[in-house]
N, C-alpha and C. Protein backbone atom coordinates (compact mmCIF):
# COMPACT_ATOMS: atom_id res chain seq x y z
N MET A 1 0.85 -1.19 0.00
CA MET A 1 0.00 0.00 0.00
C MET A 1 0.88 1.25 0.00
N CYS A 2 0.49 2.23 -0.81
CA CYS A 2 1.23 3.48 -0.83
C CYS A 2 0.29 4.63 -0.49
N VAL A 3 0.88 5.75 -0.13
CA VAL A 3 0.15 7.00 -0.03
C VAL A 3 0.77 7.93 -1.08
N VAL A 4 -0.08 8.67 -1.79
CA VAL A 4 0.39 9.60 -2.80
C VAL A 4 0.47 11.00 -2.19
N LEU A 5 1.63 11.62 -2.32
CA LEU A 5 1.81 13.01 -1.92
C LEU A 5 1.96 13.83 -3.18
N ASN A 6 0.95 14.62 -3.47
CA ASN A 6 0.98 15.47 -4.66
C ASN A 6 1.19 16.92 -4.22
N MET A 7 2.14 17.60 -4.85
CA MET A 7 2.36 19.00 -4.53
C MET A 7 2.57 19.80 -5.80
N GLY A 8 1.59 20.63 -6.11
CA GLY A 8 1.71 21.61 -7.17
C GLY A 8 1.59 22.97 -6.52
N THR A 9 0.58 23.73 -6.90
CA THR A 9 0.32 25.00 -6.21
C THR A 9 -0.09 24.75 -4.77
N SER A 10 -1.01 23.81 -4.57
CA SER A 10 -1.39 23.35 -3.23
C SER A 10 -0.84 21.94 -3.06
N SER A 11 -1.33 21.17 -2.09
CA SER A 11 -0.79 19.83 -1.89
C SER A 11 -1.84 18.90 -1.30
N GLN A 12 -1.65 17.60 -1.53
CA GLN A 12 -2.61 16.60 -1.06
C GLN A 12 -1.88 15.32 -0.66
N LEU A 13 -2.42 14.64 0.34
CA LEU A 13 -2.08 13.25 0.63
C LEU A 13 -3.30 12.42 0.30
N ILE A 14 -3.10 11.33 -0.44
CA ILE A 14 -4.22 10.55 -0.96
C ILE A 14 -3.98 9.07 -0.66
N LEU A 15 -5.01 8.42 -0.12
CA LEU A 15 -4.90 7.03 0.33
C LEU A 15 -6.16 6.29 -0.04
N MET A 16 -6.03 5.07 -0.57
CA MET A 16 -7.20 4.24 -0.84
C MET A 16 -7.78 3.73 0.47
N GLY A 17 -9.10 3.85 0.64
CA GLY A 17 -9.72 3.33 1.85
C GLY A 17 -10.97 4.10 2.21
N THR A 18 -11.62 3.65 3.26
CA THR A 18 -12.83 4.30 3.75
C THR A 18 -12.73 4.46 5.26
N ALA A 19 -13.57 5.32 5.80
CA ALA A 19 -13.61 5.51 7.25
C ALA A 19 -14.01 4.21 7.94
N ALA A 20 -14.84 3.42 7.29
CA ALA A 20 -15.30 2.16 7.88
C ALA A 20 -14.16 1.16 8.04
N ASP A 21 -13.09 1.33 7.24
CA ASP A 21 -11.94 0.42 7.34
C ASP A 21 -11.04 0.75 8.52
N SER A 22 -11.28 1.88 9.17
CA SER A 22 -10.38 2.36 10.21
C SER A 22 -11.04 2.37 11.58
N ALA A 23 -10.28 1.93 12.57
CA ALA A 23 -10.75 2.02 13.95
C ALA A 23 -10.49 3.42 14.51
N ILE A 24 -9.73 4.21 13.77
CA ILE A 24 -9.39 5.56 14.19
C ILE A 24 -10.39 6.54 13.57
N GLN A 25 -10.94 7.41 14.36
CA GLN A 25 -11.85 8.42 13.84
C GLN A 25 -11.07 9.40 12.96
N LEU A 26 -11.61 9.64 11.76
CA LEU A 26 -10.91 10.53 10.85
C LEU A 26 -10.92 11.96 11.40
N PRO A 27 -9.77 12.64 11.35
CA PRO A 27 -9.75 14.04 11.76
C PRO A 27 -10.49 14.90 10.74
N PRO A 28 -10.90 16.11 11.12
CA PRO A 28 -11.63 16.97 10.17
C PRO A 28 -10.81 17.36 8.95
N SER A 29 -9.50 17.19 9.02
CA SER A 29 -8.63 17.52 7.88
C SER A 29 -8.62 16.44 6.80
N VAL A 30 -9.25 15.28 7.07
CA VAL A 30 -9.29 14.18 6.10
C VAL A 30 -10.71 14.01 5.58
N LEU A 31 -10.84 14.00 4.26
CA LEU A 31 -12.14 13.81 3.62
C LEU A 31 -12.19 12.44 2.97
N GLU A 32 -13.36 11.82 3.01
CA GLU A 32 -13.58 10.58 2.28
C GLU A 32 -14.37 10.89 1.02
N LEU A 33 -13.80 10.52 -0.13
CA LEU A 33 -14.41 10.87 -1.41
C LEU A 33 -14.62 9.62 -2.26
N PRO A 34 -15.70 9.58 -3.04
CA PRO A 34 -15.91 8.43 -3.93
C PRO A 34 -14.87 8.39 -5.04
N TYR A 35 -14.47 7.16 -5.38
CA TYR A 35 -13.50 6.97 -6.45
C TYR A 35 -14.14 6.08 -7.50
N PHE A 36 -13.37 5.34 -8.27
CA PHE A 36 -13.93 4.51 -9.33
C PHE A 36 -14.27 3.10 -8.82
N ASN A 37 -15.18 2.45 -9.53
CA ASN A 37 -15.54 1.06 -9.28
C ASN A 37 -15.96 0.79 -7.84
N GLY A 38 -16.69 1.73 -7.27
CA GLY A 38 -17.22 1.53 -5.93
C GLY A 38 -16.22 1.71 -4.81
N THR A 39 -15.03 2.19 -5.13
CA THR A 39 -14.01 2.39 -4.10
C THR A 39 -14.02 3.85 -3.62
N ASN A 40 -13.36 4.08 -2.52
CA ASN A 40 -13.25 5.43 -1.96
C ASN A 40 -11.78 5.77 -1.72
N ILE A 41 -11.51 7.05 -1.62
CA ILE A 41 -10.18 7.51 -1.24
C ILE A 41 -10.30 8.45 -0.04
N LEU A 42 -9.25 8.47 0.77
CA LEU A 42 -9.13 9.42 1.88
C LEU A 42 -8.13 10.48 1.45
N VAL A 43 -8.52 11.74 1.60
CA VAL A 43 -7.72 12.85 1.09
C VAL A 43 -7.52 13.91 2.18
N ALA A 44 -6.27 14.28 2.39
CA ALA A 44 -5.94 15.47 3.18
C ALA A 44 -5.48 16.52 2.17
N ALA A 45 -6.33 17.52 1.93
CA ALA A 45 -6.06 18.52 0.89
C ALA A 45 -5.66 19.84 1.54
N SER A 46 -4.39 20.18 1.42
CA SER A 46 -3.88 21.42 2.00
C SER A 46 -3.95 22.55 0.99
N LEU A 47 -4.20 23.74 1.48
CA LEU A 47 -4.18 24.94 0.64
C LEU A 47 -2.76 25.45 0.41
N ASN A 48 -1.80 24.81 1.07
CA ASN A 48 -0.41 25.27 1.03
C ASN A 48 0.48 24.25 0.34
N GLY A 49 1.34 24.74 -0.52
CA GLY A 49 2.25 23.86 -1.25
C GLY A 49 3.26 24.69 -2.00
N GLY A 50 3.29 24.52 -3.31
CA GLY A 50 4.21 25.30 -4.13
C GLY A 50 3.95 26.79 -4.05
N ASN A 51 2.70 27.18 -3.73
CA ASN A 51 2.40 28.60 -3.58
C ASN A 51 3.21 29.24 -2.44
N VAL A 52 3.46 28.48 -1.38
CA VAL A 52 4.26 28.98 -0.26
C VAL A 52 5.72 29.18 -0.70
N LEU A 53 6.25 28.23 -1.45
CA LEU A 53 7.62 28.36 -1.95
C LEU A 53 7.73 29.56 -2.90
N ALA A 54 6.68 29.78 -3.70
CA ALA A 54 6.67 30.92 -4.62
C ALA A 54 6.70 32.24 -3.86
N ILE A 55 5.96 32.32 -2.75
CA ILE A 55 5.97 33.53 -1.93
C ILE A 55 7.36 33.77 -1.36
N PHE A 56 8.01 32.71 -0.92
CA PHE A 56 9.37 32.84 -0.38
C PHE A 56 10.32 33.39 -1.44
N MET A 57 10.24 32.85 -2.66
CA MET A 57 11.12 33.31 -3.73
C MET A 57 10.84 34.75 -4.10
N THR A 58 9.56 35.12 -4.14
CA THR A 58 9.20 36.51 -4.43
C THR A 58 9.72 37.45 -3.36
N THR A 59 9.66 37.00 -2.11
CA THR A 59 10.17 37.81 -1.00
C THR A 59 11.67 38.03 -1.13
N LEU A 60 12.42 36.98 -1.47
CA LEU A 60 13.86 37.13 -1.67
C LEU A 60 14.16 38.14 -2.77
N THR A 61 13.43 38.05 -3.87
CA THR A 61 13.62 38.97 -4.99
C THR A 61 13.34 40.41 -4.56
N THR A 62 12.27 40.59 -3.80
CA THR A 62 11.91 41.93 -3.32
C THR A 62 12.98 42.50 -2.42
N TRP A 63 13.50 41.67 -1.51
CA TRP A 63 14.56 42.13 -0.60
C TRP A 63 15.81 42.57 -1.38
N LEU A 64 16.20 41.76 -2.35
CA LEU A 64 17.38 42.09 -3.14
C LEU A 64 17.16 43.40 -3.90
N ASN A 65 15.99 43.56 -4.50
CA ASN A 65 15.68 44.80 -5.21
C ASN A 65 15.70 46.00 -4.27
N ASP A 66 15.14 45.82 -3.06
CA ASP A 66 15.12 46.91 -2.08
C ASP A 66 16.53 47.31 -1.65
N LEU A 67 17.46 46.34 -1.68
CA LEU A 67 18.85 46.61 -1.30
C LEU A 67 19.68 47.11 -2.47
N GLY A 68 19.04 47.23 -3.64
CA GLY A 68 19.76 47.70 -4.81
C GLY A 68 20.61 46.65 -5.47
N VAL A 69 20.30 45.38 -5.24
CA VAL A 69 21.06 44.26 -5.80
C VAL A 69 20.23 43.61 -6.91
N GLN A 70 20.86 43.40 -8.05
CA GLN A 70 20.18 42.74 -9.16
C GLN A 70 20.02 41.25 -8.84
N PRO A 71 18.80 40.76 -8.68
CA PRO A 71 18.63 39.34 -8.33
C PRO A 71 18.87 38.43 -9.53
N PRO A 72 19.25 37.19 -9.28
CA PRO A 72 19.34 36.21 -10.37
C PRO A 72 17.94 35.95 -10.94
N SER A 73 17.89 35.20 -12.03
CA SER A 73 16.60 34.80 -12.56
C SER A 73 15.90 33.88 -11.55
N LYS A 74 14.60 33.72 -11.69
CA LYS A 74 13.84 32.88 -10.76
C LYS A 74 14.38 31.45 -10.74
N ASP A 75 14.68 30.91 -11.92
CA ASP A 75 15.19 29.54 -11.98
C ASP A 75 16.56 29.43 -11.31
N GLU A 76 17.43 30.42 -11.56
CA GLU A 76 18.76 30.40 -10.94
C GLU A 76 18.65 30.51 -9.42
N MET A 77 17.78 31.39 -8.95
CA MET A 77 17.62 31.58 -7.51
C MET A 77 17.06 30.32 -6.86
N PHE A 78 16.11 29.68 -7.54
CA PHE A 78 15.52 28.46 -7.01
C PHE A 78 16.58 27.37 -6.89
N ASP A 79 17.42 27.24 -7.92
CA ASP A 79 18.49 26.24 -7.88
C ASP A 79 19.46 26.53 -6.74
N ILE A 80 19.74 27.81 -6.49
CA ILE A 80 20.67 28.19 -5.43
C ILE A 80 20.13 27.81 -4.06
N VAL A 81 18.86 28.17 -3.78
CA VAL A 81 18.33 27.90 -2.44
C VAL A 81 18.14 26.39 -2.21
N ILE A 82 17.83 25.64 -3.26
CA ILE A 82 17.74 24.18 -3.13
C ILE A 82 19.12 23.62 -2.77
N LYS A 83 20.15 24.05 -3.49
CA LYS A 83 21.51 23.57 -3.21
C LYS A 83 21.93 23.94 -1.79
N LYS A 84 21.65 25.17 -1.36
CA LYS A 84 22.01 25.59 -0.01
C LYS A 84 21.27 24.75 1.03
N GLY A 85 20.00 24.45 0.76
CA GLY A 85 19.22 23.61 1.68
C GLY A 85 19.76 22.20 1.74
N LEU A 86 20.14 21.64 0.59
CA LEU A 86 20.71 20.29 0.57
C LEU A 86 22.06 20.26 1.28
N ASP A 87 22.87 21.30 1.08
CA ASP A 87 24.17 21.38 1.77
C ASP A 87 23.96 21.43 3.27
N TYR A 88 22.97 22.20 3.69
CA TYR A 88 22.71 22.34 5.13
C TYR A 88 22.26 21.01 5.73
N THR A 89 21.28 20.35 5.10
CA THR A 89 20.77 19.09 5.66
C THR A 89 21.83 18.00 5.61
N SER A 90 22.66 18.00 4.56
CA SER A 90 23.74 17.02 4.48
C SER A 90 24.72 17.20 5.63
N LYS A 91 25.03 18.44 5.97
CA LYS A 91 25.93 18.72 7.09
C LYS A 91 25.31 18.25 8.41
N GLN A 92 23.99 18.48 8.57
CA GLN A 92 23.32 18.05 9.79
C GLN A 92 23.35 16.53 9.94
N TYR A 93 23.14 15.81 8.83
CA TYR A 93 23.22 14.35 8.88
C TYR A 93 24.61 13.89 9.27
N SER A 94 25.64 14.50 8.67
CA SER A 94 27.01 14.07 8.93
C SER A 94 27.42 14.33 10.38
N GLU A 95 26.83 15.38 10.98
CA GLU A 95 27.14 15.69 12.37
C GLU A 95 26.17 15.02 13.34
N GLN A 96 25.18 14.27 12.77
CA GLN A 96 24.21 13.50 13.54
C GLN A 96 23.47 14.37 14.56
N ARG A 97 23.01 15.51 14.07
CA ARG A 97 22.20 16.37 14.92
C ARG A 97 20.83 15.73 15.12
N GLU A 98 20.18 16.02 16.24
CA GLU A 98 18.89 15.40 16.53
C GLU A 98 17.78 15.98 15.68
N GLU A 99 17.79 17.28 15.46
CA GLU A 99 16.74 17.93 14.69
C GLU A 99 17.30 18.42 13.37
N ILE A 100 16.64 18.06 12.27
CA ILE A 100 17.09 18.45 10.94
C ILE A 100 15.89 19.01 10.18
N PRO A 101 15.80 20.30 9.98
CA PRO A 101 16.62 21.35 10.57
C PRO A 101 16.04 21.79 11.90
N LYS A 102 16.82 22.60 12.68
CA LYS A 102 16.34 23.09 13.96
C LYS A 102 15.26 24.14 13.79
N LEU A 103 15.40 24.98 12.77
CA LEU A 103 14.41 26.01 12.51
C LEU A 103 13.11 25.35 12.08
N THR A 104 12.02 25.67 12.76
CA THR A 104 10.76 24.96 12.55
C THR A 104 9.71 25.91 11.99
N PHE A 105 9.18 25.55 10.81
CA PHE A 105 8.16 26.35 10.15
C PHE A 105 6.80 25.67 10.24
N LEU A 106 5.77 26.47 10.46
CA LEU A 106 4.40 26.05 10.18
C LEU A 106 3.95 26.93 9.02
N PRO A 107 4.11 26.43 7.78
CA PRO A 107 3.94 27.30 6.61
C PRO A 107 2.50 27.35 6.08
N THR A 108 1.55 27.51 6.98
CA THR A 108 0.14 27.57 6.56
C THR A 108 -0.23 29.02 6.23
N PHE A 109 0.45 29.56 5.22
CA PHE A 109 0.25 30.95 4.83
C PHE A 109 -1.19 31.21 4.40
N PHE A 110 -1.82 30.20 3.83
CA PHE A 110 -3.16 30.37 3.26
C PHE A 110 -4.25 29.77 4.16
N GLY A 111 -3.90 29.44 5.41
CA GLY A 111 -4.86 28.75 6.27
C GLY A 111 -5.12 27.35 5.73
N GLU A 112 -6.11 26.68 6.30
CA GLU A 112 -6.54 25.36 5.83
C GLU A 112 -8.06 25.30 5.86
N ARG A 113 -8.61 24.43 5.04
CA ARG A 113 -10.08 24.34 4.98
C ARG A 113 -10.68 24.00 6.33
N HIS A 114 -10.01 23.12 7.08
CA HIS A 114 -10.53 22.73 8.39
C HIS A 114 -10.15 23.74 9.47
N ASN A 115 -9.28 24.70 9.13
CA ASN A 115 -8.84 25.72 10.09
C ASN A 115 -8.48 26.99 9.32
N PRO A 116 -9.47 27.68 8.79
CA PRO A 116 -9.21 28.79 7.88
C PRO A 116 -8.52 29.99 8.51
N THR A 117 -8.54 30.10 9.84
CA THR A 117 -7.93 31.26 10.49
C THR A 117 -6.46 31.05 10.84
N CYS A 118 -5.94 29.84 10.67
CA CYS A 118 -4.54 29.61 11.01
C CYS A 118 -3.63 30.31 10.02
N LYS A 119 -2.49 30.77 10.51
CA LYS A 119 -1.51 31.45 9.68
C LYS A 119 -0.15 30.80 9.88
N GLY A 120 0.82 31.23 9.10
CA GLY A 120 2.15 30.66 9.21
C GLY A 120 2.89 31.18 10.43
N SER A 121 3.86 30.39 10.88
CA SER A 121 4.70 30.80 12.00
C SER A 121 6.04 30.08 11.91
N VAL A 122 7.01 30.60 12.67
CA VAL A 122 8.34 30.00 12.69
C VAL A 122 8.85 30.01 14.12
N TYR A 123 9.53 28.90 14.50
CA TYR A 123 10.00 28.72 15.86
C TYR A 123 11.50 28.43 15.87
N ASN A 124 12.08 28.56 17.05
CA ASN A 124 13.49 28.22 17.29
C ASN A 124 14.45 29.10 16.51
N ILE A 125 14.10 30.38 16.34
CA ILE A 125 15.02 31.30 15.69
C ILE A 125 16.14 31.65 16.66
N GLY A 126 17.36 31.44 16.21
CA GLY A 126 18.52 31.76 17.05
C GLY A 126 19.57 32.47 16.24
N THR A 127 20.69 32.76 16.85
CA THR A 127 21.75 33.49 16.17
C THR A 127 22.39 32.68 15.05
N ASN A 128 22.25 31.36 15.12
CA ASN A 128 22.89 30.51 14.11
C ASN A 128 21.86 29.76 13.26
N THR A 129 20.62 30.26 13.20
CA THR A 129 19.58 29.52 12.46
C THR A 129 18.94 30.36 11.36
N VAL A 130 19.65 31.38 10.90
CA VAL A 130 19.03 32.24 9.91
C VAL A 130 19.77 32.23 8.58
N ASN A 131 20.61 31.21 8.34
CA ASN A 131 21.23 31.11 7.03
C ASN A 131 20.21 30.60 6.02
N ILE A 132 20.42 30.92 4.75
CA ILE A 132 19.42 30.65 3.72
C ILE A 132 19.15 29.16 3.56
N GLY A 133 20.18 28.33 3.76
CA GLY A 133 19.98 26.88 3.63
C GLY A 133 19.03 26.34 4.67
N GLU A 134 19.22 26.74 5.93
CA GLU A 134 18.35 26.25 6.98
C GLU A 134 16.94 26.78 6.84
N VAL A 135 16.82 28.05 6.43
CA VAL A 135 15.49 28.63 6.26
C VAL A 135 14.70 27.87 5.20
N PHE A 136 15.34 27.61 4.05
CA PHE A 136 14.60 26.94 2.97
C PHE A 136 14.35 25.48 3.30
N ALA A 137 15.32 24.82 3.96
CA ALA A 137 15.10 23.43 4.39
C ALA A 137 13.95 23.36 5.39
N GLY A 138 13.91 24.32 6.32
CA GLY A 138 12.83 24.35 7.30
C GLY A 138 11.48 24.58 6.66
N LEU A 139 11.45 25.42 5.63
CA LEU A 139 10.19 25.69 4.93
C LEU A 139 9.70 24.44 4.20
N CYS A 140 10.61 23.75 3.51
CA CYS A 140 10.23 22.52 2.81
C CYS A 140 9.77 21.45 3.79
N GLN A 141 10.51 21.29 4.89
CA GLN A 141 10.12 20.31 5.89
C GLN A 141 8.76 20.64 6.50
N GLY A 142 8.52 21.93 6.73
CA GLY A 142 7.25 22.35 7.31
C GLY A 142 6.07 22.01 6.42
N LEU A 143 6.22 22.15 5.10
CA LEU A 143 5.14 21.79 4.18
C LEU A 143 4.82 20.30 4.28
N VAL A 144 5.86 19.47 4.36
CA VAL A 144 5.66 18.02 4.45
C VAL A 144 5.03 17.65 5.79
N LYS A 145 5.55 18.23 6.88
CA LYS A 145 5.01 17.93 8.21
C LYS A 145 3.55 18.36 8.34
N ASN A 146 3.20 19.46 7.69
CA ASN A 146 1.81 19.91 7.74
C ASN A 146 0.87 18.87 7.15
N LEU A 147 1.28 18.26 6.04
CA LEU A 147 0.45 17.21 5.45
C LEU A 147 0.34 16.00 6.38
N LEU A 148 1.45 15.65 7.01
CA LEU A 148 1.42 14.50 7.92
C LEU A 148 0.62 14.83 9.18
N ASP A 149 0.57 16.07 9.58
CA ASP A 149 -0.31 16.47 10.68
C ASP A 149 -1.78 16.33 10.28
N MET A 150 -2.07 16.63 9.01
CA MET A 150 -3.44 16.56 8.53
C MET A 150 -3.92 15.11 8.37
N MET A 151 -3.02 14.23 7.93
CA MET A 151 -3.32 12.79 7.83
C MET A 151 -2.30 12.07 8.69
N PRO A 152 -2.60 11.84 9.97
CA PRO A 152 -1.59 11.39 10.94
C PRO A 152 -0.95 10.06 10.58
N LEU A 153 0.29 9.89 11.06
CA LEU A 153 1.05 8.68 10.80
C LEU A 153 0.32 7.44 11.29
N CYS A 154 -0.40 7.54 12.42
CA CYS A 154 -1.11 6.36 12.94
C CYS A 154 -2.16 5.87 11.95
N LEU A 155 -2.75 6.78 11.19
CA LEU A 155 -3.74 6.40 10.17
C LEU A 155 -3.06 5.68 9.01
N LEU A 156 -1.91 6.20 8.58
CA LEU A 156 -1.16 5.55 7.50
C LEU A 156 -0.70 4.16 7.92
N GLN A 157 -0.26 4.04 9.16
CA GLN A 157 0.19 2.74 9.66
C GLN A 157 -0.95 1.74 9.71
N GLU A 158 -2.13 2.21 10.10
CA GLU A 158 -3.28 1.31 10.18
C GLU A 158 -3.65 0.75 8.81
N PHE A 159 -3.45 1.55 7.76
CA PHE A 159 -3.76 1.09 6.41
C PHE A 159 -2.57 0.38 5.76
N GLY A 160 -1.51 0.20 6.50
CA GLY A 160 -0.37 -0.57 6.00
C GLY A 160 0.45 0.13 4.94
N VAL A 161 0.54 1.45 5.01
CA VAL A 161 1.32 2.21 4.02
C VAL A 161 2.80 1.87 4.17
N LYS A 162 3.43 1.51 3.05
CA LYS A 162 4.84 1.10 3.07
C LYS A 162 5.74 2.05 2.30
N ARG A 163 5.16 2.95 1.49
CA ARG A 163 5.99 3.91 0.76
C ARG A 163 5.16 5.10 0.35
N VAL A 164 5.88 6.16 -0.05
CA VAL A 164 5.25 7.40 -0.47
C VAL A 164 5.56 7.62 -1.95
N VAL A 165 4.53 7.83 -2.75
CA VAL A 165 4.69 8.16 -4.17
C VAL A 165 4.44 9.65 -4.32
N CYS A 166 5.43 10.38 -4.82
CA CYS A 166 5.33 11.83 -4.93
C CYS A 166 5.08 12.24 -6.38
N SER A 167 4.24 13.24 -6.55
CA SER A 167 3.95 13.78 -7.87
C SER A 167 3.73 15.28 -7.75
N GLY A 168 3.57 15.93 -8.90
CA GLY A 168 3.30 17.35 -8.91
C GLY A 168 4.51 18.19 -9.27
N SER A 169 4.27 19.35 -9.84
CA SER A 169 5.34 20.20 -10.35
C SER A 169 6.28 20.69 -9.26
N ALA A 170 5.76 21.05 -8.08
CA ALA A 170 6.61 21.55 -7.01
C ALA A 170 7.55 20.47 -6.50
N MET A 171 7.09 19.22 -6.53
CA MET A 171 7.89 18.11 -6.04
C MET A 171 8.93 17.67 -7.05
N ALA A 172 8.57 17.67 -8.32
CA ALA A 172 9.43 17.09 -9.35
C ALA A 172 10.78 17.78 -9.47
N ARG A 173 10.81 19.10 -9.30
CA ARG A 173 12.06 19.83 -9.54
C ARG A 173 12.79 20.20 -8.25
N ASN A 174 12.32 19.71 -7.12
CA ASN A 174 12.89 20.13 -5.84
C ASN A 174 13.41 18.91 -5.07
N LEU A 175 14.68 18.60 -5.25
CA LEU A 175 15.29 17.44 -4.59
C LEU A 175 15.26 17.61 -3.07
N LEU A 176 15.39 18.82 -2.59
CA LEU A 176 15.35 19.07 -1.15
C LEU A 176 13.99 18.68 -0.58
N LEU A 177 12.94 19.02 -1.27
CA LEU A 177 11.59 18.66 -0.83
C LEU A 177 11.42 17.15 -0.82
N GLN A 178 11.94 16.47 -1.82
CA GLN A 178 11.88 15.01 -1.86
C GLN A 178 12.62 14.39 -0.67
N LYS A 179 13.78 14.94 -0.34
CA LYS A 179 14.55 14.45 0.81
C LYS A 179 13.79 14.66 2.11
N GLN A 180 13.07 15.76 2.21
CA GLN A 180 12.31 16.02 3.42
C GLN A 180 11.14 15.04 3.55
N VAL A 181 10.53 14.64 2.44
CA VAL A 181 9.47 13.62 2.48
C VAL A 181 10.04 12.32 3.05
N GLU A 182 11.18 11.92 2.56
CA GLU A 182 11.83 10.69 3.04
C GLU A 182 12.15 10.78 4.53
N GLN A 183 12.64 11.94 4.96
CA GLN A 183 13.01 12.13 6.36
C GLN A 183 11.78 12.15 7.27
N VAL A 184 10.76 12.90 6.89
CA VAL A 184 9.59 13.08 7.75
C VAL A 184 8.76 11.80 7.83
N PHE A 185 8.54 11.13 6.71
CA PHE A 185 7.71 9.93 6.70
C PHE A 185 8.49 8.68 7.12
N ASN A 186 9.82 8.72 6.97
CA ASN A 186 10.67 7.57 7.28
C ASN A 186 10.22 6.33 6.49
N LEU A 187 9.91 6.57 5.20
CA LEU A 187 9.48 5.51 4.29
C LEU A 187 10.19 5.69 2.96
N PRO A 188 10.29 4.63 2.15
CA PRO A 188 10.84 4.80 0.80
C PRO A 188 9.98 5.77 -0.01
N VAL A 189 10.64 6.53 -0.86
CA VAL A 189 9.97 7.55 -1.66
C VAL A 189 10.21 7.30 -3.14
N LYS A 190 9.15 7.38 -3.92
CA LYS A 190 9.24 7.27 -5.38
C LYS A 190 8.64 8.54 -5.97
N VAL A 191 9.37 9.18 -6.89
CA VAL A 191 8.90 10.41 -7.52
C VAL A 191 8.50 10.11 -8.96
N ILE A 192 7.27 10.49 -9.31
CA ILE A 192 6.75 10.30 -10.66
C ILE A 192 6.41 11.67 -11.23
N GLU A 193 6.92 11.97 -12.40
CA GLU A 193 6.72 13.29 -12.98
C GLU A 193 5.43 13.31 -13.79
N VAL A 194 4.33 13.54 -13.10
CA VAL A 194 3.04 13.77 -13.73
C VAL A 194 2.46 15.02 -13.11
N ASP A 195 1.48 15.66 -13.80
CA ASP A 195 0.93 16.89 -13.25
C ASP A 195 -0.08 16.56 -12.16
N ALA A 196 -0.56 17.60 -11.49
CA ALA A 196 -1.39 17.44 -10.30
C ALA A 196 -2.67 16.67 -10.59
N SER A 197 -3.24 16.84 -11.77
CA SER A 197 -4.52 16.18 -12.09
C SER A 197 -4.39 14.67 -12.15
N MET A 198 -3.14 14.17 -12.31
CA MET A 198 -2.91 12.73 -12.38
C MET A 198 -2.61 12.12 -11.02
N GLY A 199 -2.41 12.94 -10.01
CA GLY A 199 -1.94 12.44 -8.72
C GLY A 199 -2.83 11.36 -8.13
N ALA A 200 -4.13 11.60 -8.04
CA ALA A 200 -5.03 10.64 -7.41
C ALA A 200 -5.08 9.32 -8.17
N SER A 201 -4.90 9.37 -9.49
CA SER A 201 -4.98 8.13 -10.27
C SER A 201 -3.82 7.18 -9.99
N LEU A 202 -2.77 7.68 -9.34
CA LEU A 202 -1.63 6.83 -9.01
C LEU A 202 -1.92 5.87 -7.87
N VAL A 203 -2.92 6.19 -7.05
CA VAL A 203 -3.15 5.42 -5.82
C VAL A 203 -3.40 3.95 -6.11
N PRO A 204 -4.40 3.58 -6.93
CA PRO A 204 -4.63 2.15 -7.16
C PRO A 204 -3.53 1.50 -7.98
N LEU A 205 -2.77 2.28 -8.77
CA LEU A 205 -1.73 1.70 -9.61
C LEU A 205 -0.48 1.34 -8.81
N GLU A 206 -0.29 2.02 -7.67
CA GLU A 206 0.91 1.80 -6.87
C GLU A 206 0.67 0.88 -5.69
């Protein structure tokens, strides 16, 4: 059994099953929806995903412009922050730090359907936690953790989930985000380059 994590502009966790199959009461963040051939899927649909990363990149560009610095192109800047984030997390692994990264984001910039008034926040800001690599790694990790908060690990375990299949434009080009999925879920990860509309169809195939 797999769970599909799709991340484009927004993001979703998708699992084959019904509430009747679970002894755990579904949280309000999980919806049960009809699928094909009399089957159902469980979906945690977040309003936050690639749109949050886009806001971060726009903010960096604005800061550079305000400082009178010509920013790189969007693609170049995106490649830079991904590399810095990967360098940071790689260093944390090699030093066997307990928290990777220490900087903790709740990147619910757009709220959530089950909690529309929630906003983003960041914790554990210190004198050594504001480098660009840690900030971007924390943001990517926060997006993944938010989905796992919406569809808790105990629910995935009950349905026998053994791996995560990732799809969507935000996931396909962001190796740091893929690494954070592997770290947060502690499961094998497979990335399939299909657009967001194909994400749910992967569930029965995987």
